[in-house]
Amino acid sequence: MAPTSNASANGGLTIQQIPVPKRPDAGGSPDFLAFHKLRHAYELEVWGNLDRAATLPEAVLFWQGNDYEERQVFLARLEGKVVGSGSLMLPLSENLTTAGMDVLVDADYRRRGFGTQILEYLERVARERDRNSFDGYCGGPIAPVLAGVPVLEAKSGTGGVPLDNASTRFAVHHGYSLEQVETSSLLSLPVDEAHLVELEVQALRKATAYSLIEWTDRCPDKLVGAFADLKSLMSTEVPIAGLNWEGERWDNARVRQEESTWQASGIEFIVAVARHDASGELAAYTVLSHREAMPGIVNQEDTLVAPEHRGHGLGMIVKIANLRRAAALWPEAKSVMTWNASENRHMLAINIALGFRPSGFEGEWQKRLG
């Protein structure tokens, strides 16, 4: 059911859903450009760069949504001036009681209650869509945490976020609990080849029953079904702490839709897969992505080793293969960025061995109704 209204006014603040452009360049869409500009301003404020920010084509194609998730964007105005934004993500295939939400307020208009009004509006829209579990994310540089500032510990028992952060106070005040903390890490490029060889030799001793398969941008037709099965596992096998999420069901069509969206967004990606020789099963995979518009940064996407194939060094092997290809394909890249749940000790250990160093945290918050 559609929300009863796509606009709200309270105390002079007006909140209204805005259309997402049809074209990736957002031509003729000043509202969406204002939404995008707010996000970039926030990224620059927090990080001092746009390494973690979507480009405009990425943002347009993402917020258009797809068959598996409806996505809505909102602007908040005061006397006609844009002072904040909100967004909703409504899964359509699974997790049908959940809603992802995000609130941003322009730096000049904070501490006036506008963030609360935006959040309450988003929650109302979500409830009208029969959603009763809300989640959101907020992160920042890890330096204060490493320096020992007081933190709110995650319910997972691992990791925490600074108690005095505005985002922490806002989330707690509105009834959200910190379920999990992810650590973001950076790896400087290029990685010393001698170091990669040393790690690879150790891993290969345990992986004699496996071979490596690689592709760029599109999974080979003969493998797409098996790859979809691995993508389904990715949504159930990574730690999710107490987050109220069901596993995702991936099939050939869902894989192809993700691939086509990434390519249309200007994203190149490379995949390395380990195959079990005796059974032909795909046992592990990892994905790196790169944007020509942001040439200095490579993003680590999924990495998974299927449960029955763990303990054979496959995570290390596929990561090393992809790092070598990344160096050859994207020589201008200066670093790789990755994210891991703080309790995912095994994958963190692989990343640390490769040379990744912590750079940020991301709190994963959730609020359940009843």
Protein backbone atom coordinates (compact mmCIF):
# COMPACT_ATOMS: atom_id res chain seq x y z
CA MET A 1 0.00 0.00 0.00
CA ALA A 2 1.34 3.45 -0.90
CA PRO A 3 1.79 5.97 1.93
CA THR A 4 -1.22 8.17 2.54
CA SER A 5 0.88 11.22 1.73
CA ASN A 6 4.32 11.83 0.35
CA ALA A 7 4.67 15.17 2.09
CA SER A 8 4.60 16.38 5.67
CA ALA A 9 4.81 19.82 7.23
CA ASN A 10 5.61 20.45 10.90
CA GLY A 11 6.89 23.64 12.46
CA GLY A 12 7.67 25.11 9.06
CA LEU A 13 9.59 22.04 7.89
CA THR A 14 8.23 20.31 4.79
CA ILE A 15 9.26 16.73 3.96
CA GLN A 16 8.45 15.40 0.53
CA GLN A 17 9.35 12.36 -1.54
CA ILE A 18 11.15 13.31 -4.74
CA PRO A 19 11.32 11.38 -8.03
CA VAL A 20 14.51 9.59 -8.99
CA PRO A 21 15.74 10.60 -12.45
CA LYS A 22 15.49 8.21 -15.38
CA ARG A 23 18.92 9.21 -16.69
CA PRO A 24 22.18 8.43 -14.87
CA ASP A 25 23.39 12.03 -15.30
CA ALA A 26 20.29 13.33 -13.40
CA GLY A 27 19.75 15.90 -16.13
CA GLY A 28 16.83 18.18 -15.36
CA SER A 29 16.44 16.89 -11.80
CA PRO A 30 17.42 19.69 -9.39
CA ASP A 31 15.76 17.94 -6.42
CA PHE A 32 17.81 14.79 -6.84
CA LEU A 33 20.97 16.84 -7.39
CA ALA A 34 20.26 18.59 -4.06
CA PHE A 35 19.83 15.18 -2.39
CA HIS A 36 23.13 14.01 -3.88
CA LYS A 37 24.93 17.22 -2.91
CA LEU A 38 23.89 16.78 0.74
CA ARG A 39 25.41 13.30 0.82
CA HIS A 40 28.69 14.52 -0.69
CA ALA A 41 28.87 17.41 1.77
CA TYR A 42 28.45 14.97 4.64
CA GLU A 43 31.13 12.62 3.29
CA LEU A 44 33.57 15.51 2.98
CA GLU A 45 32.72 16.68 6.50
CA VAL A 46 33.32 13.25 8.05
CA TRP A 47 36.12 11.80 5.91
CA GLY A 48 37.68 14.73 4.07
CA ASN A 49 37.25 12.88 0.75
CA LEU A 50 34.64 11.20 -1.42
CA ASP A 51 36.21 7.74 -1.47
CA ARG A 52 33.13 6.22 0.19
CA ALA A 53 30.59 8.29 -1.74
CA ALA A 54 28.60 7.22 -4.77
CA THR A 55 29.13 9.04 -8.04
CA LEU A 56 26.05 10.69 -9.53
CA PRO A 57 25.39 7.86 -12.06
CA GLU A 58 25.77 5.30 -9.26
CA ALA A 59 23.37 7.19 -7.03
CA VAL A 60 20.73 7.59 -9.73
CA LEU A 61 20.77 3.93 -10.73
CA PHE A 62 20.86 2.74 -7.12
CA TRP A 63 17.92 4.87 -5.98
CA GLN A 64 15.84 3.80 -8.96
CA GLY A 65 15.52 0.52 -7.09
CA ASN A 66 14.97 -2.86 -8.71
CA ASP A 67 12.82 -5.97 -8.60
CA TYR A 68 14.20 -6.87 -5.17
CA GLU A 69 14.12 -3.55 -3.33
CA GLU A 70 12.05 -0.38 -3.55
CA ARG A 71 14.02 2.77 -2.73
CA GLN A 72 12.61 6.19 -1.91
CA VAL A 73 14.32 9.53 -1.40
CA PHE A 74 13.01 12.62 0.39
CA LEU A 75 13.98 16.26 0.81
CA ALA A 76 13.26 18.41 3.87
CA ARG A 77 12.78 22.13 3.25
CA LEU A 78 12.47 25.14 5.52
CA GLU A 79 10.91 28.15 3.82
CA GLY A 80 11.80 26.59 0.48
CA LYS A 81 15.46 25.91 1.34
CA VAL A 82 16.74 22.33 1.39
CA VAL A 83 17.94 21.63 4.93
CA GLY A 84 17.98 17.83 5.05
CA SER A 85 17.19 14.56 3.37
CA GLY A 86 15.91 11.10 4.11
CA SER A 87 15.84 7.75 2.36
CA LEU A 88 14.00 4.46 2.67
CA MET A 89 14.90 1.00 1.39
CA LEU A 90 12.07 -1.53 1.34
CA PRO A 91 13.02 -5.13 0.46
CA LEU A 92 10.51 -6.78 -1.88
CA SER A 93 11.74 -10.37 -2.15
CA GLU A 94 12.66 -11.26 1.43
CA ASN A 95 12.93 -9.32 4.72
CA LEU A 96 9.43 -8.02 4.09
CA THR A 97 9.03 -6.64 7.62
CA THR A 98 12.21 -4.52 7.49
CA ALA A 99 13.02 -1.01 6.27
CA GLY A 100 16.41 0.62 5.88
CA MET A 101 16.51 4.34 6.56
CA ASP A 102 18.95 7.23 6.57
CA VAL A 103 18.67 10.82 7.78
CA LEU A 104 20.93 13.76 6.91
CA VAL A 105 20.66 17.36 8.07
CA ASP A 106 22.70 20.19 6.58
CA ALA A 107 25.44 21.29 8.99
CA ASP A 108 23.95 24.80 9.31
CA TYR A 109 20.56 23.47 10.46
CA ARG A 110 21.44 20.84 13.05
CA ARG A 111 20.26 20.68 16.67
CA ARG A 112 16.90 22.22 15.78
CA GLY A 113 14.87 19.01 15.75
CA PHE A 114 14.81 18.61 11.98
CA GLY A 115 16.54 15.21 12.06
CA THR A 116 13.89 13.95 14.48
CA GLN A 117 11.08 15.15 12.21
CA ILE A 118 12.64 13.47 9.17
CA LEU A 119 13.17 10.19 11.03
CA GLU A 120 9.63 10.17 12.43
CA TYR A 121 8.26 10.74 8.94
CA LEU A 122 10.33 7.90 7.47
CA GLU A 123 9.20 5.57 10.24
CA ARG A 124 5.57 6.48 9.60
CA VAL A 125 5.91 5.71 5.88
CA ALA A 126 7.60 2.40 6.73
CA ARG A 127 4.82 1.45 9.15
CA GLU A 128 2.24 2.17 6.46
CA ARG A 129 4.07 -0.43 4.37
CA ASP A 130 3.72 -2.98 7.21
CA ARG A 131 7.37 -2.72 8.23
CA ASN A 132 8.12 -3.15 11.94
CA SER A 133 11.91 -3.48 11.98
CA PHE A 134 14.00 -0.44 11.04
CA ASP A 135 17.75 -0.37 10.48
CA GLY A 136 20.36 2.25 9.71
CA TYR A 137 24.10 2.77 9.53
CA CYS A 138 26.47 5.50 10.55
CA GLY A 139 30.26 5.51 10.61
CA GLY A 140 33.35 7.60 10.95
CA PRO A 141 37.14 7.51 11.23
CA ILE A 142 38.42 4.93 13.69
CA ALA A 143 41.16 7.13 15.19
CA PRO A 144 39.07 8.25 18.22
CA VAL A 145 38.14 4.63 19.00
CA LEU A 146 41.78 3.54 18.80
CA ALA A 147 42.71 6.47 21.04
CA GLY A 148 40.41 5.13 23.73
CA VAL A 149 37.42 7.46 23.79
CA PRO A 150 34.41 6.06 25.69
CA VAL A 151 32.34 3.83 23.44
CA LEU A 152 28.92 2.24 23.32
CA GLU A 153 29.56 -1.47 22.86
CA ALA A 154 27.63 -3.43 20.24
CA LYS A 155 25.16 -6.06 21.37
CA SER A 156 27.22 -8.57 19.37
CA GLY A 157 29.87 -8.21 22.10
CA THR A 158 32.55 -7.01 19.68
CA GLY A 159 33.34 -3.42 18.75
CA GLY A 160 31.80 -0.11 19.70
CA VAL A 161 31.11 3.44 18.53
CA PRO A 162 32.04 6.70 20.27
CA LEU A 163 29.49 7.54 22.95
CA ASP A 164 29.74 11.27 22.28
CA ASN A 165 29.15 11.07 18.52
CA ALA A 166 26.07 12.98 17.44
CA SER A 167 24.90 9.93 15.49
CA THR A 168 25.19 7.72 18.59
CA ARG A 169 23.18 10.12 20.72
CA PHE A 170 20.56 10.51 17.98
CA ALA A 171 20.10 6.76 17.46
CA VAL A 172 19.88 5.94 21.17
CA HIS A 173 17.47 8.81 21.82
CA HIS A 174 15.11 7.44 19.17
CA GLY A 175 15.11 3.89 20.47
CA TYR A 176 17.67 2.24 18.17
CA SER A 177 20.07 -0.37 19.53
CA LEU A 178 23.62 -0.91 18.34
CA GLU A 179 23.52 -4.50 17.07
CA GLN A 180 26.87 -4.74 15.29
CA VAL A 181 29.98 -2.76 14.39
CA GLU A 182 31.91 -3.17 11.17
CA THR A 183 35.54 -2.17 10.74
CA SER A 184 36.60 -0.54 7.48
CA SER A 185 40.21 -1.03 6.48
CA LEU A 186 42.58 0.25 3.80
CA LEU A 187 45.33 -1.57 1.93
CA SER A 188 47.96 0.54 0.20
CA LEU A 189 48.71 -0.32 -3.41
CA PRO A 190 50.76 -1.77 -4.92
CA VAL A 191 51.23 -4.69 -2.53
CA ASP A 192 54.76 -6.05 -2.45
CA GLU A 193 54.82 -9.10 -4.74
CA ALA A 194 57.29 -10.96 -2.55
CA HIS A 195 54.83 -10.66 0.34
CA LEU A 196 51.97 -11.96 -1.81
CA VAL A 197 54.08 -14.91 -2.97
CA GLU A 198 54.94 -15.81 0.61
CA LEU A 199 51.28 -15.79 1.65
CA GLU A 200 50.22 -17.63 -1.49
CA VAL A 201 52.73 -20.44 -1.03
CA GLN A 202 51.44 -21.05 2.48
CA ALA A 203 47.81 -21.11 1.33
CA LEU A 204 48.41 -23.33 -1.71
CA ARG A 205 49.80 -26.09 0.49
CA LYS A 206 46.26 -26.56 1.82
CA ALA A 207 44.42 -26.03 -1.48
CA THR A 208 45.72 -28.79 -3.74
CA ALA A 209 42.18 -29.95 -4.55
CA TYR A 210 41.10 -26.59 -5.99
CA SER A 211 41.63 -24.49 -9.11
CA LEU A 212 41.14 -20.79 -9.80
CA ILE A 213 38.61 -19.19 -12.17
CA GLU A 214 38.54 -15.47 -12.94
CA TRP A 215 36.27 -13.13 -14.89
CA THR A 216 35.61 -9.43 -15.47
CA ASP A 217 32.19 -7.73 -15.37
CA ARG A 218 30.08 -10.76 -16.37
CA CYS A 219 29.93 -14.26 -14.95
CA PRO A 220 30.27 -16.95 -17.64
CA ASP A 221 26.88 -18.41 -18.53
CA LYS A 222 27.89 -21.93 -17.52
CA LEU A 223 28.75 -20.75 -13.98
CA VAL A 224 26.03 -18.22 -13.23
CA GLY A 225 23.71 -20.67 -11.43
CA ALA A 226 26.47 -21.92 -9.15
CA PHE A 227 27.64 -18.36 -8.58
CA ALA A 228 24.09 -17.34 -7.60
CA ASP A 229 24.15 -20.12 -4.99
CA LEU A 230 27.32 -18.64 -3.50
CA LYS A 231 25.71 -15.18 -3.46
CA SER A 232 22.79 -16.65 -1.51
CA LEU A 233 25.22 -18.13 1.00
CA MET A 234 26.91 -14.74 1.36
CA SER A 235 23.73 -13.35 2.91
CA THR A 236 23.49 -16.11 5.53
CA GLU A 237 27.09 -17.03 6.34
CA VAL A 238 28.51 -13.62 7.24
CA PRO A 239 27.99 -12.53 10.87
CA ILE A 240 24.83 -10.44 11.32
CA ALA A 241 24.73 -10.38 15.15
CA GLY A 242 21.15 -9.73 16.29
CA LEU A 243 20.02 -7.97 13.11
CA ASN A 244 16.55 -9.05 12.02
CA TRP A 245 17.53 -10.16 8.51
CA GLU A 246 16.60 -13.19 6.46
CA GLY A 247 18.90 -14.69 3.86
CA GLU A 248 18.60 -13.42 0.29
CA ARG A 249 17.59 -15.74 -2.53
CA TRP A 250 19.84 -15.26 -5.55
CA ASP A 251 19.21 -16.74 -8.98
CA ASN A 252 20.55 -16.15 -12.48
CA ALA A 253 18.32 -13.13 -13.07
CA ARG A 254 19.39 -11.42 -9.84
CA VAL A 255 23.06 -11.89 -10.67
CA ARG A 256 22.56 -10.45 -14.16
CA GLN A 257 20.61 -7.48 -12.81
CA GLU A 258 23.39 -6.59 -10.38
CA GLU A 259 25.99 -6.90 -13.14
CA SER A 260 24.06 -4.70 -15.57
CA THR A 261 23.41 -2.04 -12.92
CA TRP A 262 27.07 -1.87 -11.96
CA GLN A 263 28.17 -1.57 -15.57
CA ALA A 264 25.59 1.13 -16.31
CA SER A 265 26.86 3.00 -13.21
CA GLY A 266 30.42 3.10 -14.55
CA ILE A 267 31.68 0.35 -12.21
CA GLU A 268 34.15 -2.26 -13.40
CA PHE A 269 34.49 -5.39 -11.28
CA ILE A 270 36.64 -8.48 -11.21
CA VAL A 271 35.83 -11.83 -9.64
CA ALA A 272 38.11 -14.66 -8.51
CA VAL A 273 36.54 -18.01 -7.70
CA ALA A 274 37.99 -21.23 -6.29
CA ARG A 275 36.46 -24.41 -7.74
CA HIS A 276 36.65 -27.81 -6.09
CA ASP A 277 38.13 -30.02 -8.79
CA ALA A 278 36.56 -33.34 -7.80
CA SER A 279 32.97 -32.10 -7.45
CA GLY A 280 33.06 -29.03 -9.71
CA GLU A 281 31.50 -26.98 -6.91
CA LEU A 282 32.31 -23.29 -6.60
CA ALA A 283 33.88 -23.14 -3.15
CA ALA A 284 34.88 -19.50 -2.63
CA TYR A 285 34.77 -16.12 -4.32
CA THR A 286 35.81 -12.52 -3.94
CA VAL A 287 34.93 -9.34 -5.86
CA LEU A 288 36.78 -6.05 -6.35
CA SER A 289 35.19 -3.01 -7.99
CA HIS A 290 36.62 0.17 -9.47
CA ARG A 291 35.17 3.40 -10.83
CA GLU A 292 36.89 5.43 -13.52
CA ALA A 293 35.42 8.55 -11.90
CA MET A 294 37.26 7.68 -8.65
CA PRO A 295 40.45 6.09 -10.00
CA GLY A 296 42.45 6.08 -6.78
CA ILE A 297 40.24 3.70 -4.80
CA VAL A 298 39.26 0.06 -5.27
CA ASN A 299 36.37 -1.35 -3.25
CA GLN A 300 36.40 -4.85 -1.81
CA GLU A 301 32.91 -6.25 -2.28
CA ASP A 302 31.87 -9.77 -1.23
CA THR A 303 34.30 -12.43 -0.04
CA LEU A 304 32.96 -15.85 0.94
CA VAL A 305 34.24 -19.38 1.49
CA ALA A 306 31.45 -21.97 1.54
CA PRO A 307 31.29 -23.69 4.96
CA GLU A 308 32.20 -27.16 3.70
CA HIS A 309 35.35 -25.82 2.00
CA ARG A 310 36.82 -23.79 4.83
CA GLY A 311 40.26 -24.46 6.24
CA HIS A 312 41.98 -24.76 2.84
CA GLY A 313 43.36 -21.23 2.46
CA LEU A 314 40.82 -20.36 -0.23
CA GLY A 315 39.99 -16.91 1.13
CA MET A 316 43.62 -15.90 0.88
CA ILE A 317 44.08 -17.46 -2.57
CA VAL A 318 41.15 -15.70 -4.23
CA LYS A 319 42.02 -12.36 -2.61
CA ILE A 320 45.63 -12.53 -3.81
CA ALA A 321 44.49 -13.38 -7.35
CA ASN A 322 42.16 -10.40 -7.44
CA LEU A 323 44.77 -8.02 -6.00
CA ARG A 324 47.18 -8.96 -8.78
CA ARG A 325 44.54 -8.41 -11.44
CA ALA A 326 43.56 -5.09 -9.88
CA ALA A 327 47.16 -3.88 -10.06
CA ALA A 328 47.30 -4.77 -13.76
CA LEU A 329 43.87 -3.39 -14.71
CA TRP A 330 43.80 -0.26 -12.54
CA PRO A 331 47.41 0.91 -12.10
CA GLU A 332 46.27 4.37 -10.95
CA ALA A 333 44.60 2.92 -7.85
CA LYS A 334 46.33 3.79 -4.57
CA SER A 335 44.34 1.71 -2.08
CA VAL A 336 41.72 -0.98 -1.54
CA MET A 337 38.90 -0.40 0.95
CA THR A 338 37.12 -3.24 2.72
CA TRP A 339 34.56 -3.76 5.51
CA ASN A 340 34.26 -6.62 7.99
CA ALA A 341 32.07 -7.30 10.98
CA SER A 342 34.29 -6.80 14.02
CA GLU A 343 33.55 -10.37 15.18
CA ASN A 344 34.56 -11.88 11.80
CA ARG A 345 38.00 -12.74 13.13
CA HIS A 346 38.99 -15.15 10.37
CA MET A 347 38.43 -12.73 7.48
CA LEU A 348 39.98 -9.88 9.47
CA ALA A 349 43.06 -12.05 10.01
CA ILE A 350 43.38 -12.61 6.26
CA ASN A 351 43.10 -8.89 5.59
CA ILE A 352 45.62 -8.01 8.29
CA ALA A 353 48.07 -10.53 6.85
CA LEU A 354 47.69 -8.90 3.43
CA GLY A 355 48.45 -5.49 4.95
CA PHE A 356 45.03 -3.90 5.53
CA ARG A 357 44.94 -1.38 8.37
CA PRO A 358 41.81 -0.15 10.21
CA SER A 359 40.54 3.22 8.99
CA GLY A 360 36.93 3.52 10.10
CA PHE A 361 33.95 2.04 11.90
CA GLU A 362 30.32 1.63 10.94
CA GLY A 363 27.61 1.14 13.52
CA GLU A 364 24.65 -0.98 12.46
CA TRP A 365 21.55 0.12 14.33
CA GLN A 366 18.13 -1.46 14.60
CA LYS A 367 14.74 -0.62 16.11
CA ARG A 368 11.98 -3.20 16.40
CA LEU A 369 8.33 -2.38 17.03
CA GLY A 370 6.65 -4.92 19.31
